[in-house]
């Protein structure tokens, strides 16, 4: 396996909390063409996807309306850098700990906006390269940004670690020469094989023994669902239940159904909490 020489980090949702600024920019873009397809608070689930793709596929924009909406989005986003973007807690310390490697910020956000956002949040000095969505012919999930960053850093793609938080970062992963793990944290990772297979796996410990659990195949199991399955497993472990034994005993189908029921119960608990809080406010 090639040694790691560079770390390529996404920006929105990974380094910086940009959600509020993104929502304002998204709503402004639609308002500029007098469309209200979906509110930015809903569209925020697709942050990381090229804004052009969201406006086309989710809002039905095209032609001049699309061009105007994108232009306004980018303008409002750039204007909101100072008051609408902040680094997540612990990011500066994490970047400082990674200084042994070449660091690059690789994002679908415009290059000038990205540079200004990193400068304002005092993260810019950590990076030897900043690559925006307008720096490459095709944005993520195409591999162009990763390949160009590797070339600019004078390393091979296999010598890079890619850090991101959205489905696009997963989709940007291409077949590798040797099987490789791409971590999502808390034991969850995507195992990519030379034949192109992508398998979700979860490493955990039970009774002082290391174990691995299969959580599905990508893209049939997307990132968010894999994360939900990870939290379900961690809930089992918190109750001193071994998920591997439970899965073997009950069967995959029952295991998944049980997980779905757990997720629904969590949603009901959240709904009950919201109603309780609303009642308190009414009083």
Foldseek 3Di string as FASTA:
>chain_A
DDAAAEEEEEPDPTFKPQLVLLQVLQVQLCVVVPFPQDHSVVVSLVPQPQPLCCCCVRVVDDDPSSVSSVVSSLVSSLVCLQPRMETDPPNVVVLVVVLNHAYEHFGQRDQVSVCSNCVNRVNNVSHPYYHYNVNFPHHFVALGRLCVVCVVVVHHSVNYQYDDDDQRSVSNDFADPAWDWRDPDPQWTWTHGNVGWTWIKGWDDAPNDIDIDTDGTPPVQTDVNSVLVSVVCVVCVVVRHHLVVVCVVPDVVVSVVVSVVVVVVVVVVVVVVVVVVVVVVVD
